[in-house]
Amino acid sequence: MPEPAPPGRRSLSPSSFRSFHDAYAAVLADLTRASGHISTRGNAGPERLNVSFQLGNPAARVPMFASRKANIVFNLAEVLWFLGGRDDLAMMRYYAPRMAGYSADGVTIAGAAYGTRLFRTPGPGRRSAFDATLDLIREDPDTKRAVIPIFGAHEVGDGEHPDVSCTIAFQLFKREDRLHAVCYMRANDAFQGLVSDVFSFTFIQELAARLLGLRLGTYTHHVGSMHIGDQHLAKARAIVAEARRARPSSLPVTPMPASTTRAMVEEVCAQEAQLRANRISHTLDSLAKTGLPAYWQRLIALLELHRHLIHQPGRPIDEDMLASLDPSHWWLLHHKWPARVPSPDVLGWDRP
């Protein structure tokens, strides 16, 4: 056994990564070597207790691995579901039919509906927890109380619902001119849930920073039980192997505009609902007429392209709209639907 480092040389801070791409590979590499193995509720696999990491650029929130095929459309839809304070199954089942397994009544989702705790107002004239937290930071910039509890005491031992909250709490810190965020998780499935959770909470952090007029700080993710199912180990090893042989993602990350308002977010949520129901479609011209900043237009374009993939399977994709996306989003869309979406490599972009 090596001697412990002298107290003055110990670092008590989590490992820091420039992007989630790098952190994700490190988490999977660690889990594939883990000796601990658990089996709970019929799910068996390796586990690490007390895993933490920090992201220097939380806007770089998506892992860019060809072997992972992250569903960027689902990630966006889920955070919009949160921002709307929703708990309905219908919206999420449209983007991921497997979400039906998280509902006890076939109508609502209980545990994973973090938006009900973050963004839903408790009554007329009342503020959401998110808005109350931002107001607290405005009133007391150095506060340590900007915490939004998510896991409820009633969820302990809850056998009625197939899903309970994995997230314990979300905390924000204004320090100097930056907004830092910390997410506390009781547990995380490293192959599936981790990707979605980091996307959503870093997106919410960036939104909070814009609404407060602050720069984006670090994002820290603390997990009590980081685990992965045995059925996903082979895929996890493939991602780790890809990370070792390929250079890190070099595609640019577009920041959320400083001009972002709640009204813009509400408009994007309204557009999502219409596109999901196939009541509207968009061209680049109609997106421009929304008056939204280009960042938000590109996210609606992503939802429009998904609408096309679902509702117009026999028609070719709009390549002009594809070219309007962030390069990383086009790349992810291609790797999720390679038969329908042409590769961005045709434009000479480097592969991540």
Protein backbone atom coordinates (compact mmCIF):
# COMPACT_ATOMS: atom_id res chain seq x y z
CA MET A 1 0.00 0.00 0.00
CA PRO A 2 1.43 3.41 -0.90
CA GLU A 3 1.82 5.92 1.90
CA PRO A 4 -0.96 8.54 2.01
CA ALA A 5 0.04 11.97 0.73
CA PRO A 6 0.91 14.56 3.37
CA PRO A 7 -2.09 16.72 4.28
CA GLY A 8 -0.64 19.75 2.50
CA ARG A 9 -0.43 17.85 -0.80
CA ARG A 10 -3.87 16.29 -0.87
CA SER A 11 -6.42 17.63 -3.31
CA LEU A 12 -9.97 17.45 -2.02
CA SER A 13 -11.43 18.76 -5.28
CA PRO A 14 -13.00 16.50 -7.92
CA SER A 15 -11.10 15.61 -11.08
CA SER A 16 -11.47 18.41 -13.62
CA PHE A 17 -12.16 17.95 -17.35
CA ARG A 18 -12.50 20.52 -20.11
CA SER A 19 -15.64 18.85 -21.50
CA PHE A 20 -18.14 16.12 -20.69
CA HIS A 21 -16.73 14.14 -23.63
CA ASP A 22 -13.53 13.64 -21.65
CA ALA A 23 -15.24 13.13 -18.28
CA TYR A 24 -17.61 10.53 -19.72
CA ALA A 25 -14.76 8.44 -21.10
CA ALA A 26 -12.98 8.61 -17.73
CA VAL A 27 -16.09 7.49 -15.82
CA LEU A 28 -16.66 4.54 -18.15
CA ALA A 29 -12.98 3.54 -18.03
CA ASP A 30 -13.12 3.54 -14.24
CA LEU A 31 -16.32 1.49 -14.11
CA THR A 32 -15.04 -1.16 -16.51
CA ARG A 33 -12.18 -1.73 -14.04
CA ALA A 34 -14.37 -1.63 -10.92
CA SER A 35 -14.29 -4.66 -8.65
CA GLY A 36 -17.51 -3.83 -6.83
CA HIS A 37 -20.60 -5.54 -8.25
CA ILE A 38 -24.20 -5.02 -7.16
CA SER A 39 -27.62 -6.39 -8.04
CA THR A 40 -30.73 -4.40 -7.18
CA ARG A 41 -34.27 -4.58 -8.57
CA GLY A 42 -33.09 -7.07 -11.18
CA ASN A 43 -30.26 -4.85 -12.44
CA ALA A 44 -26.73 -6.16 -12.01
CA GLY A 45 -23.41 -4.53 -12.79
CA PRO A 46 -20.23 -2.87 -11.50
CA GLU A 47 -20.41 0.10 -9.16
CA ARG A 48 -18.19 2.86 -7.79
CA LEU A 49 -19.23 4.75 -4.68
CA ASN A 50 -18.70 8.50 -4.28
CA VAL A 51 -17.71 9.52 -7.80
CA SER A 52 -17.24 13.22 -8.60
CA PHE A 53 -15.99 15.23 -11.55
CA GLN A 54 -15.94 18.86 -12.63
CA LEU A 55 -16.40 20.42 -16.08
CA GLY A 56 -14.46 23.55 -17.00
CA ASN A 57 -16.79 24.28 -19.92
CA PRO A 58 -20.30 23.05 -19.08
CA ALA A 59 -21.55 24.13 -22.52
CA ALA A 60 -19.51 21.24 -23.98
CA ARG A 61 -22.16 18.93 -22.61
CA VAL A 62 -22.46 16.10 -25.15
CA PRO A 63 -20.06 13.13 -25.57
CA MET A 64 -18.98 12.87 -29.21
CA PHE A 65 -18.39 9.14 -29.67
CA ALA A 66 -19.38 7.24 -32.80
CA SER A 67 -19.81 4.12 -30.65
CA ARG A 68 -22.21 5.88 -28.23
CA LYS A 69 -24.74 7.44 -30.66
CA ALA A 70 -26.03 9.98 -28.16
CA ASN A 71 -29.57 11.09 -28.98
CA ILE A 72 -29.24 14.87 -29.06
CA VAL A 73 -32.94 15.29 -29.91
CA PHE A 74 -34.00 13.38 -26.79
CA ASN A 75 -31.55 15.38 -24.67
CA LEU A 76 -33.02 18.65 -25.93
CA ALA A 77 -36.61 17.45 -25.56
CA GLU A 78 -36.01 16.29 -22.00
CA VAL A 79 -34.60 19.62 -20.86
CA LEU A 80 -37.54 21.41 -22.53
CA TRP A 81 -39.84 19.02 -20.63
CA PHE A 82 -38.11 20.09 -17.43
CA LEU A 83 -38.25 23.79 -18.32
CA GLY A 84 -41.99 23.47 -18.86
CA GLY A 85 -42.45 21.99 -15.37
CA ARG A 86 -44.06 18.92 -16.92
CA ASP A 87 -44.57 15.35 -15.72
CA ASP A 88 -46.63 13.92 -18.61
CA LEU A 89 -45.52 10.67 -20.20
CA ALA A 90 -46.88 11.59 -23.65
CA MET A 91 -44.18 14.13 -24.53
CA MET A 92 -41.25 11.96 -23.49
CA ARG A 93 -42.68 8.75 -24.96
CA TYR A 94 -42.75 10.47 -28.37
CA TYR A 95 -38.97 10.90 -28.23
CA ALA A 96 -38.18 7.66 -26.37
CA PRO A 97 -40.88 4.95 -26.18
CA ARG A 98 -38.91 3.20 -23.42
CA MET A 99 -39.94 6.04 -21.08
CA ALA A 100 -43.30 4.28 -20.69
CA GLY A 101 -41.49 1.94 -18.30
CA TYR A 102 -41.00 4.85 -15.90
CA SER A 103 -44.73 5.48 -15.47
CA ALA A 104 -46.92 3.74 -12.89
CA ASP A 105 -50.23 4.94 -14.34
CA GLY A 106 -49.43 5.24 -18.05
CA VAL A 107 -50.07 8.99 -17.89
CA THR A 108 -47.41 10.64 -15.72
CA ILE A 109 -43.79 10.12 -14.71
CA ALA A 110 -42.98 10.69 -11.04
CA GLY A 111 -39.30 10.40 -10.16
CA ALA A 112 -37.62 11.61 -13.35
CA ALA A 113 -39.90 14.65 -13.75
CA TYR A 114 -37.37 17.04 -12.21
CA GLY A 115 -39.07 20.01 -13.85
CA THR A 116 -42.00 19.75 -11.44
CA ARG A 117 -39.63 20.55 -8.57
CA LEU A 118 -37.50 23.04 -10.48
CA PHE A 119 -39.87 25.05 -12.65
CA ARG A 120 -43.49 24.36 -11.71
CA THR A 121 -45.13 27.15 -9.71
CA PRO A 122 -46.82 25.89 -6.53
CA GLY A 123 -49.85 28.15 -7.00
CA PRO A 124 -51.17 31.46 -8.34
CA GLY A 125 -48.82 34.33 -7.61
CA ARG A 126 -46.13 31.95 -6.36
CA ARG A 127 -42.61 31.58 -7.73
CA SER A 128 -41.03 28.37 -8.96
CA ALA A 129 -38.07 27.05 -6.98
CA PHE A 130 -35.81 28.05 -9.89
CA ASP A 131 -37.05 31.65 -9.90
CA ALA A 132 -36.85 31.88 -6.11
CA THR A 133 -33.26 30.65 -6.28
CA LEU A 134 -32.29 33.27 -8.86
CA ASP A 135 -33.93 35.98 -6.77
CA LEU A 136 -31.96 34.82 -3.74
CA ILE A 137 -28.70 35.11 -5.69
CA ARG A 138 -29.65 38.62 -6.82
CA GLU A 139 -30.38 39.65 -3.22
CA ASP A 140 -27.43 37.86 -1.59
CA PRO A 141 -24.72 37.24 -4.22
CA ASP A 142 -22.48 35.19 -1.89
CA THR A 143 -25.31 32.98 -0.64
CA LYS A 144 -24.75 29.30 0.08
CA ARG A 145 -28.49 28.64 0.24
CA ALA A 146 -29.28 28.64 -3.49
CA VAL A 147 -30.28 24.97 -3.37
CA ILE A 148 -33.26 23.30 -5.02
CA PRO A 149 -34.16 19.97 -3.34
CA ILE A 150 -35.37 17.31 -5.78
CA PHE A 151 -35.42 13.91 -4.05
CA GLY A 152 -38.33 13.85 -1.62
CA ALA A 153 -38.50 12.05 1.71
CA HIS A 154 -41.65 10.29 0.47
CA GLU A 155 -39.55 8.54 -2.19
CA VAL A 156 -37.58 6.52 0.36
CA GLY A 157 -38.93 2.99 0.16
CA ASP A 158 -41.50 3.96 -2.48
CA GLY A 159 -42.59 0.66 -4.01
CA GLU A 160 -45.52 2.09 -5.94
CA HIS A 161 -43.58 3.84 -8.69
CA PRO A 162 -41.09 2.10 -11.00
CA ASP A 163 -38.88 5.21 -10.86
CA VAL A 164 -37.82 7.61 -8.11
CA SER A 165 -35.60 10.68 -8.37
CA CYS A 166 -31.93 9.97 -9.01
CA THR A 167 -31.10 13.62 -8.33
CA ILE A 168 -30.98 14.75 -4.70
CA ALA A 169 -30.47 18.49 -5.24
CA PHE A 170 -29.17 21.18 -7.58
CA GLN A 171 -27.13 24.09 -6.22
CA LEU A 172 -25.93 27.37 -7.72
CA PHE A 173 -23.09 29.64 -6.59
CA LYS A 174 -22.34 33.15 -7.83
CA ARG A 175 -18.66 33.75 -7.27
CA GLU A 176 -17.21 36.93 -8.76
CA ASP A 177 -18.76 37.20 -12.24
CA ARG A 178 -19.41 33.48 -12.80
CA LEU A 179 -22.24 31.10 -11.97
CA HIS A 180 -21.09 27.69 -10.78
CA ALA A 181 -23.39 24.69 -10.40
CA VAL A 182 -23.30 21.50 -8.37
CA CYS A 183 -25.57 18.50 -8.91
CA TYR A 184 -25.90 15.89 -6.17
CA MET A 185 -27.06 12.45 -7.29
CA ARG A 186 -27.99 9.49 -5.12
CA ALA A 187 -27.22 7.25 -8.11
CA ASN A 188 -26.41 7.43 -11.82
CA ASP A 189 -26.49 4.86 -14.59
CA ALA A 190 -23.23 5.80 -16.29
CA PHE A 191 -24.21 4.51 -19.71
CA GLN A 192 -27.66 6.11 -20.01
CA GLY A 193 -28.79 8.44 -17.24
CA LEU A 194 -25.47 10.24 -16.78
CA VAL A 195 -25.52 11.61 -20.34
CA SER A 196 -29.05 12.98 -19.99
CA ASP A 197 -28.53 14.41 -16.51
CA VAL A 198 -25.34 16.28 -17.36
CA PHE A 199 -26.94 17.69 -20.52
CA SER A 200 -30.01 18.92 -18.65
CA PHE A 201 -28.37 20.37 -15.57
CA THR A 202 -25.59 22.14 -17.48
CA PHE A 203 -28.23 23.58 -19.83
CA ILE A 204 -30.22 24.83 -16.82
CA GLN A 205 -27.01 26.23 -15.31
CA GLU A 206 -26.24 28.12 -18.53
CA LEU A 207 -29.80 29.46 -18.69
CA ALA A 208 -29.54 30.65 -15.08
CA ALA A 209 -26.22 32.35 -15.84
CA ARG A 210 -27.74 34.21 -18.79
CA LEU A 211 -30.80 35.31 -16.80
CA LEU A 212 -28.51 36.60 -14.04
CA GLY A 213 -26.15 38.33 -16.47
CA LEU A 214 -23.21 36.18 -15.39
CA ARG A 215 -20.51 34.21 -17.16
CA LEU A 216 -20.70 30.43 -17.12
CA GLY A 217 -18.63 28.88 -14.33
CA THR A 218 -17.78 25.27 -13.56
CA TYR A 219 -20.21 22.38 -13.25
CA THR A 220 -19.58 19.71 -10.61
CA HIS A 221 -21.34 16.33 -10.54
CA HIS A 222 -21.35 14.27 -7.32
CA VAL A 223 -22.75 10.72 -7.40
CA GLY A 224 -23.28 8.38 -4.46
CA SER A 225 -23.55 5.23 -6.60
CA MET A 226 -22.12 5.40 -10.12
CA HIS A 227 -23.02 2.14 -11.81
CA ILE A 228 -23.48 0.47 -15.16
CA GLY A 229 -25.51 -2.56 -16.20
CA ASP A 230 -23.70 -5.72 -17.22
CA GLN A 231 -25.59 -5.55 -20.52
CA HIS A 232 -23.87 -2.24 -21.35
CA LEU A 233 -20.31 -3.22 -20.45
CA ALA A 234 -19.30 -4.22 -23.98
CA LYS A 235 -20.51 -0.88 -25.37
CA ALA A 236 -18.76 0.97 -22.55
CA ARG A 237 -15.48 -0.75 -23.39
CA ALA A 238 -15.94 0.20 -27.05
CA ILE A 239 -16.33 3.86 -26.05
CA VAL A 240 -13.23 3.69 -23.85
CA ALA A 241 -11.27 2.14 -26.73
CA GLU A 242 -12.48 4.87 -29.09
CA ALA A 243 -11.45 7.54 -26.60
CA ARG A 244 -7.94 6.09 -26.42
CA ARG A 245 -7.36 5.96 -30.16
CA ALA A 246 -9.18 9.13 -31.30
CA ARG A 247 -8.38 12.73 -30.53
CA PRO A 248 -10.92 14.64 -28.43
CA SER A 249 -13.84 16.40 -30.05
CA SER A 250 -12.81 19.57 -31.90
CA LEU A 251 -16.21 20.74 -33.09
CA PRO A 252 -17.12 24.21 -31.81
CA VAL A 253 -19.61 24.73 -28.99
CA THR A 254 -22.02 27.64 -29.40
CA PRO A 255 -22.80 29.45 -26.15
CA MET A 256 -26.34 30.43 -25.19
CA PRO A 257 -26.74 34.13 -26.09
CA ALA A 258 -26.49 36.73 -23.35
CA SER A 259 -29.79 38.18 -24.60
CA THR A 260 -31.72 35.03 -23.61
CA THR A 261 -35.03 35.63 -21.83
CA ARG A 262 -37.68 33.40 -20.30
CA ALA A 263 -40.00 34.41 -23.15
CA MET A 264 -37.55 32.90 -25.65
CA VAL A 265 -37.52 29.62 -23.75
CA GLU A 266 -41.31 29.59 -23.61
CA GLU A 267 -41.46 30.17 -27.37
CA VAL A 268 -39.13 27.23 -28.02
CA CYS A 269 -41.30 25.03 -25.77
CA ALA A 270 -44.40 26.12 -27.72
CA GLN A 271 -42.67 25.37 -31.03
CA GLU A 272 -41.68 21.91 -29.76
CA ALA A 273 -45.29 21.06 -28.94
CA GLN A 274 -46.48 22.07 -32.40
CA LEU A 275 -43.71 20.17 -34.18
CA ARG A 276 -44.25 17.06 -32.06
CA ALA A 277 -47.93 17.06 -33.04
CA ASN A 278 -46.93 17.59 -36.70
CA ARG A 279 -49.14 20.70 -36.81
CA ILE A 280 -46.40 22.87 -38.28
CA SER A 281 -43.18 22.50 -40.23
CA HIS A 282 -40.31 24.92 -40.63
CA THR A 283 -38.03 26.26 -43.33
CA LEU A 284 -35.03 28.48 -42.71
CA ASP A 285 -37.18 31.46 -43.69
CA SER A 286 -39.95 30.61 -41.22
CA LEU A 287 -37.38 30.10 -38.47
CA ALA A 288 -35.95 33.54 -39.15
CA LYS A 289 -39.44 35.03 -38.84
CA THR A 290 -39.71 33.80 -35.25
CA GLY A 291 -37.39 36.64 -34.31
CA LEU A 292 -35.45 34.36 -31.99
CA PRO A 293 -31.64 34.55 -31.80
CA ALA A 294 -29.80 32.12 -34.09
CA TYR A 295 -28.94 29.84 -31.15
CA TRP A 296 -32.60 29.17 -30.39
CA GLN A 297 -33.50 28.94 -34.09
CA ARG A 298 -30.93 26.15 -34.46
CA LEU A 299 -32.50 24.19 -31.60
CA ILE A 300 -35.94 24.49 -33.23
CA ALA A 301 -34.31 23.37 -36.50
CA LEU A 302 -33.12 20.24 -34.70
CA LEU A 303 -36.69 19.53 -33.62
CA GLU A 304 -37.96 20.21 -37.15
CA LEU A 305 -35.48 17.74 -38.62
CA HIS A 306 -36.63 15.15 -36.08
CA ARG A 307 -40.26 15.86 -37.06
CA HIS A 308 -39.25 15.20 -40.66
CA LEU A 309 -37.53 11.92 -39.74
CA ILE A 310 -40.62 10.70 -37.85
CA HIS A 311 -43.49 11.99 -39.98
CA GLN A 312 -41.95 12.07 -43.48
CA PRO A 313 -39.84 8.91 -43.66
CA GLY A 314 -39.94 8.72 -47.45
CA ARG A 315 -38.75 12.25 -48.18
CA PRO A 316 -35.12 13.40 -48.34
CA ILE A 317 -33.80 15.52 -45.51
CA ASP A 318 -33.42 19.29 -45.91
CA GLU A 319 -29.65 19.68 -46.23
CA ASP A 320 -29.80 23.46 -45.96
CA MET A 321 -31.44 23.09 -42.57
CA LEU A 322 -28.87 20.47 -41.60
CA ALA A 323 -26.12 22.91 -42.50
CA SER A 324 -27.72 25.52 -40.22
CA LEU A 325 -27.22 23.30 -37.15
CA ASP A 326 -24.27 23.43 -34.83
CA PRO A 327 -21.68 21.08 -36.40
CA SER A 328 -21.79 18.84 -33.33
CA HIS A 329 -25.57 18.48 -33.55
CA TRP A 330 -25.40 17.52 -37.23
CA TRP A 331 -22.68 14.99 -36.43
CA LEU A 332 -24.77 13.48 -33.62
CA LEU A 333 -27.91 13.42 -35.77
CA HIS A 334 -26.02 11.56 -38.50
CA HIS A 335 -24.64 8.95 -36.11
CA LYS A 336 -28.09 8.36 -34.60
CA TRP A 337 -29.86 8.09 -37.98
CA PRO A 338 -27.06 7.26 -40.46
CA ALA A 339 -29.41 5.94 -43.15
CA ARG A 340 -31.43 9.17 -43.23
CA VAL A 341 -29.01 11.95 -42.33
CA PRO A 342 -25.92 12.53 -44.51
CA SER A 343 -22.57 12.87 -42.81
CA PRO A 344 -21.22 16.38 -42.15
CA ASP A 345 -17.89 15.08 -43.47
CA VAL A 346 -19.12 15.97 -46.94
CA LEU A 347 -18.53 19.61 -45.97
CA GLY A 348 -14.96 18.84 -45.00
CA TRP A 349 -15.53 19.01 -41.26
CA ASP A 350 -13.13 17.05 -39.13
CA ARG A 351 -14.42 13.96 -37.42
CA PRO A 352 -14.48 14.34 -33.62
